[in-house]
């Protein structure tokens, strides 16, 4: 994961997973709406998957 993507995961999590598919974006967006921290954790986990 690049440094830019890590910063993007923290600032706006749904934008960081935009290239991972529609399901990932919807999941991270829903987590971010519930609370910011779960959205960040979800985005980091999805971005770290190979």
PDB file of N, CA and C in Angstrom:
ATOM      1  N   UNK A   1       0.847  -1.169   0.000  1.00  0.00           N
ATOM      2  CA  UNK A   1       0.000   0.000   0.000  1.00  0.00           C
ATOM      3  C   UNK A   1       0.895   1.235   0.000  1.00  0.00           C
ATOM      4  N   UNK A   2       0.577   2.143  -0.891  1.00  0.00           N
ATOM      5  CA  UNK A   2       1.379   3.354  -1.005  1.00  0.00           C
ATOM      6  C   UNK A   2       1.034   4.337   0.112  1.00  0.00           C
ATOM      7  N   UNK A   3       1.898   5.289   0.286  1.00  0.00           N
ATOM      8  CA  UNK A   3       1.708   6.303   1.327  1.00  0.00           C
ATOM      9  C   UNK A   3       0.470   7.152   1.028  1.00  0.00           C
ATOM     10  N   UNK A   4       0.258   7.466  -0.238  1.00  0.00           N
ATOM     11  CA  UNK A   4      -0.914   8.255  -0.628  1.00  0.00           C
ATOM     12  C   UNK A   4      -2.205   7.498  -0.330  1.00  0.00           C
ATOM     13  N   UNK A   5      -2.215   6.206  -0.615  1.00  0.00           N
ATOM     14  CA  UNK A   5      -3.412   5.409  -0.357  1.00  0.00           C
ATOM     15  C   UNK A   5      -3.670   5.297   1.139  1.00  0.00           C
ATOM     16  N   UNK A   6      -2.623   5.193   1.948  1.00  0.00           N
ATOM     17  CA  UNK A   6      -2.792   5.122   3.399  1.00  0.00           C
ATOM     18  C   UNK A   6      -3.393   6.421   3.932  1.00  0.00           C
ATOM     19  N   UNK A   7      -2.932   7.540   3.429  1.00  0.00           N
ATOM     20  CA  UNK A   7      -3.484   8.832   3.841  1.00  0.00           C
ATOM     21  C   UNK A   7      -4.937   8.957   3.394  1.00  0.00           C
ATOM     22  N   UNK A   8      -5.222   8.468   2.202  1.00  0.00           N
ATOM     23  CA  UNK A   8      -6.588   8.507   1.688  1.00  0.00           C
ATOM     24  C   UNK A   8      -7.510   7.611   2.502  1.00  0.00           C
ATOM     25  N   UNK A   9      -6.998   6.479   2.989  1.00  0.00           N
ATOM     26  CA  UNK A   9      -7.786   5.596   3.855  1.00  0.00           C
ATOM     27  C   UNK A   9      -8.191   6.308   5.134  1.00  0.00           C
ATOM     28  N   UNK A  10      -7.348   7.164   5.621  1.00  0.00           N
ATOM     29  CA  UNK A  10      -7.639   7.866   6.868  1.00  0.00           C
ATOM     30  C   UNK A  10      -8.558   9.059   6.636  1.00  0.00           C
ATOM     31  N   UNK A  11      -8.338   9.799   5.559  1.00  0.00           N
ATOM     32  CA  UNK A  11      -9.119  11.017   5.321  1.00  0.00           C
ATOM     33  C   UNK A  11     -10.516  10.700   4.771  1.00  0.00           C
ATOM     34  N   UNK A  12     -10.598   9.905   3.724  1.00  0.00           N
ATOM     35  CA  UNK A  12     -11.889   9.566   3.111  1.00  0.00           C
ATOM     36  C   UNK A  12     -11.859   8.110   2.656  1.00  0.00           C
ATOM     37  N   UNK A  13     -12.225   7.187   3.540  1.00  0.00           N
ATOM     38  CA  UNK A  13     -12.085   5.754   3.272  1.00  0.00           C
ATOM     39  C   UNK A  13     -12.766   5.235   1.996  1.00  0.00           C
ATOM     40  N   UNK A  14     -13.992   5.659   1.640  1.00  0.00           N
ATOM     41  CA  UNK A  14     -14.593   5.095   0.420  1.00  0.00           C
ATOM     42  C   UNK A  14     -13.808   5.418  -0.858  1.00  0.00           C
ATOM     43  N   UNK A  15     -13.166   6.559  -0.900  1.00  0.00           N
ATOM     44  CA  UNK A  15     -12.386   6.918  -2.080  1.00  0.00           C
ATOM     45  C   UNK A  15     -11.133   6.054  -2.214  1.00  0.00           C
ATOM     46  N   UNK A  16     -10.612   5.572  -1.103  1.00  0.00           N
ATOM     47  CA  UNK A  16      -9.397   4.751  -1.135  1.00  0.00           C
ATOM     48  C   UNK A  16      -9.652   3.372  -1.730  1.00  0.00           C
ATOM     49  N   UNK A  17     -10.892   2.875  -1.651  1.00  0.00           N
ATOM     50  CA  UNK A  17     -11.188   1.522  -2.151  1.00  0.00           C
ATOM     51  C   UNK A  17     -11.997   1.558  -3.450  1.00  0.00           C
ATOM     52  N   UNK A  18     -11.993   2.676  -4.133  1.00  0.00           N
ATOM     53  CA  UNK A  18     -12.805   2.827  -5.346  1.00  0.00           C
ATOM     54  C   UNK A  18     -12.410   1.837  -6.442  1.00  0.00           C
ATOM     55  N   UNK A  19     -11.147   1.439  -6.502  1.00  0.00           N
ATOM     56  CA  UNK A  19     -10.705   0.514  -7.553  1.00  0.00           C
ATOM     57  C   UNK A  19     -10.830  -0.948  -7.134  1.00  0.00           C
ATOM     58  N   UNK A  20     -11.355  -1.220  -5.959  1.00  0.00           N
ATOM     59  CA  UNK A  20     -11.492  -2.592  -5.463  1.00  0.00           C
ATOM     60  C   UNK A  20     -12.849  -3.202  -5.790  1.00  0.00           C
ATOM     61  N   UNK A  21     -13.749  -2.440  -6.349  1.00  0.00           N
ATOM     62  CA  UNK A  21     -15.058  -2.956  -6.725  1.00  0.00           C
ATOM     63  C   UNK A  21     -16.180  -2.231  -6.013  1.00  0.00           C
ATOM     64  N   UNK A  22     -17.370  -2.399  -6.564  1.00  0.00           N
ATOM     65  CA  UNK A  22     -18.542  -1.688  -6.043  1.00  0.00           C
ATOM     66  C   UNK A  22     -18.909  -2.164  -4.640  1.00  0.00           C
ATOM     67  N   UNK A  23     -18.802  -3.457  -4.388  1.00  0.00           N
ATOM     68  CA  UNK A  23     -19.152  -3.995  -3.075  1.00  0.00           C
ATOM     69  C   UNK A  23     -18.274  -3.436  -1.977  1.00  0.00           C
ATOM     70  N   UNK A  24     -17.002  -3.297  -2.257  1.00  0.00           N
ATOM     71  CA  UNK A  24     -16.072  -2.752  -1.266  1.00  0.00           C
ATOM     72  C   UNK A  24     -16.389  -1.290  -0.972  1.00  0.00           C
ATOM     73  N   UNK A  25     -16.708  -0.545  -1.993  1.00  0.00           N
ATOM     74  CA  UNK A  25     -17.034   0.875  -1.808  1.00  0.00           C
ATOM     75  C   UNK A  25     -18.295   1.021  -0.967  1.00  0.00           C
ATOM     76  N   UNK A  26     -19.307   0.214  -1.264  1.00  0.00           N
ATOM     77  CA  UNK A  26     -20.564   0.300  -0.505  1.00  0.00           C
ATOM     78  C   UNK A  26     -20.347  -0.116   0.942  1.00  0.00           C
ATOM     79  N   UNK A  27     -19.572  -1.177   1.163  1.00  0.00           N
ATOM     80  CA  UNK A  27     -19.298  -1.639   2.519  1.00  0.00           C
ATOM     81  C   UNK A  27     -18.557  -0.579   3.325  1.00  0.00           C
ATOM     82  N   UNK A  28     -17.511  -0.029   2.762  1.00  0.00           N
ATOM     83  CA  UNK A  28     -16.724   0.986   3.479  1.00  0.00           C
ATOM     84  C   UNK A  28     -17.541   2.250   3.670  1.00  0.00           C
ATOM     85  N   UNK A  29     -18.363   2.609   2.705  1.00  0.00           N
ATOM     86  CA  UNK A  29     -19.211   3.794   2.846  1.00  0.00           C
ATOM     87  C   UNK A  29     -20.207   3.602   3.986  1.00  0.00           C
ATOM     88  N   UNK A  30     -20.802   2.414   4.081  1.00  0.00           N
ATOM     89  CA  UNK A  30     -21.750   2.140   5.162  1.00  0.00           C
ATOM     90  C   UNK A  30     -21.054   2.170   6.521  1.00  0.00           C
ATOM     91  N   UNK A  31     -19.858   1.590   6.580  1.00  0.00           N
ATOM     92  CA  UNK A  31     -19.106   1.623   7.838  1.00  0.00           C
ATOM     93  C   UNK A  31     -18.726   3.049   8.218  1.00  0.00           C
ATOM     94  N   UNK A  32     -18.392   3.856   7.230  1.00  0.00           N
ATOM     95  CA  UNK A  32     -18.027   5.243   7.491  1.00  0.00           C
ATOM     96  C   UNK A  32     -19.238   6.052   7.956  1.00  0.00           C
ATOM     97  N   UNK A  33     -20.407   5.739   7.440  1.00  0.00           N
ATOM     98  CA  UNK A  33     -21.610   6.442   7.893  1.00  0.00           C
ATOM     99  C   UNK A  33     -21.948   6.098   9.336  1.00  0.00           C
ATOM    100  N   UNK A  34     -21.704   4.839   9.731  1.00  0.00           N
ATOM    101  CA  UNK A  34     -21.970   4.438  11.124  1.00  0.00           C
ATOM    102  C   UNK A  34     -21.024   5.147  12.079  1.00  0.00           C
ATOM    103  N   UNK A  35     -19.767   5.091  11.741  1.00  0.00           N
ATOM    104  CA  UNK A  35     -18.742   5.772  12.543  1.00  0.00           C
ATOM    105  C   UNK A  35     -17.497   5.848  11.680  1.00  0.00           C
ATOM    106  N   UNK A  36     -16.676   6.838  11.929  1.00  0.00           N
ATOM    107  CA  UNK A  36     -15.517   7.062  11.077  1.00  0.00           C
ATOM    108  C   UNK A  36     -14.456   5.979  11.249  1.00  0.00           C
ATOM    109  N   UNK A  37     -14.222   5.550  12.485  1.00  0.00           N
ATOM    110  CA  UNK A  37     -13.156   4.581  12.771  1.00  0.00           C
ATOM    111  C   UNK A  37     -13.392   3.232  12.090  1.00  0.00           C
ATOM    112  N   UNK A  38     -14.594   2.635  12.140  1.00  0.00           N
ATOM    113  CA  UNK A  38     -14.790   1.370  11.417  1.00  0.00           C
ATOM    114  C   UNK A  38     -14.586   1.505   9.908  1.00  0.00           C
ATOM    115  N   UNK A  39     -14.934   2.645   9.360  1.00  0.00           N
ATOM    116  CA  UNK A  39     -14.699   2.875   7.940  1.00  0.00           C
ATOM    117  C   UNK A  39     -13.222   2.903   7.601  1.00  0.00           C
ATOM    118  N   UNK A  40     -12.433   3.529   8.450  1.00  0.00           N
ATOM    119  CA  UNK A  40     -10.983   3.584   8.243  1.00  0.00           C
ATOM    120  C   UNK A  40     -10.378   2.188   8.364  1.00  0.00           C
ATOM    121  N   UNK A  41     -10.802   1.445   9.382  1.00  0.00           N
ATOM    122  CA  UNK A  41     -10.278   0.085   9.561  1.00  0.00           C
ATOM    123  C   UNK A  41     -10.645  -0.800   8.384  1.00  0.00           C
ATOM    124  N   UNK A  42     -11.894  -0.710   7.931  1.00  0.00           N
ATOM    125  CA  UNK A  42     -12.316  -1.500   6.769  1.00  0.00           C
ATOM    126  C   UNK A  42     -11.536  -1.140   5.511  1.00  0.00           C
ATOM    127  N   UNK A  43     -11.311   0.141   5.295  1.00  0.00           N
ATOM    128  CA  UNK A  43     -10.572   0.569   4.108  1.00  0.00           C
ATOM    129  C   UNK A  43      -9.124   0.085   4.155  1.00  0.00           C
ATOM    130  N   UNK A  44      -8.503   0.154   5.334  1.00  0.00           N
ATOM    131  CA  UNK A  44      -7.117  -0.314   5.449  1.00  0.00           C
ATOM    132  C   UNK A  44      -7.034  -1.820   5.215  1.00  0.00           C
ATOM    133  N   UNK A  45      -7.991  -2.565   5.763  1.00  0.00           N
ATOM    134  CA  UNK A  45      -7.999  -4.020   5.558  1.00  0.00           C
ATOM    135  C   UNK A  45      -8.198  -4.385   4.093  1.00  0.00           C
ATOM    136  N   UNK A  46      -9.103  -3.705   3.434  1.00  0.00           N
ATOM    137  CA  UNK A  46      -9.364  -3.997   2.016  1.00  0.00           C
ATOM    138  C   UNK A  46      -8.175  -3.594   1.156  1.00  0.00           C
ATOM    139  N   UNK A  47      -7.554  -2.481   1.449  1.00  0.00           N
ATOM    140  CA  UNK A  47      -6.393  -2.040   0.661  1.00  0.00           C
ATOM    141  C   UNK A  47      -5.174  -2.928   0.870  1.00  0.00           C
ATOM    142  N   UNK A  48      -5.057  -3.549   2.039  1.00  0.00           N
ATOM    143  CA  UNK A  48      -3.902  -4.410   2.309  1.00  0.00           C
ATOM    144  C   UNK A  48      -4.043  -5.810   1.737  1.00  0.00           C
ATOM    145  N   UNK A  49      -5.265  -6.213   1.346  1.00  0.00           N
ATOM    146  CA  UNK A  49      -5.440  -7.522   0.731  1.00  0.00           C
ATOM    147  C   UNK A  49      -4.735  -7.562  -0.622  1.00  0.00           C
ATOM    148  N   UNK A  50      -4.039  -8.622  -0.868  1.00  0.00           N
ATOM    149  CA  UNK A  50      -3.293  -8.756  -2.136  1.00  0.00           C
ATOM    150  C   UNK A  50      -4.152  -9.362  -3.225  1.00  0.00           C
TER     151      UNK A  50
END
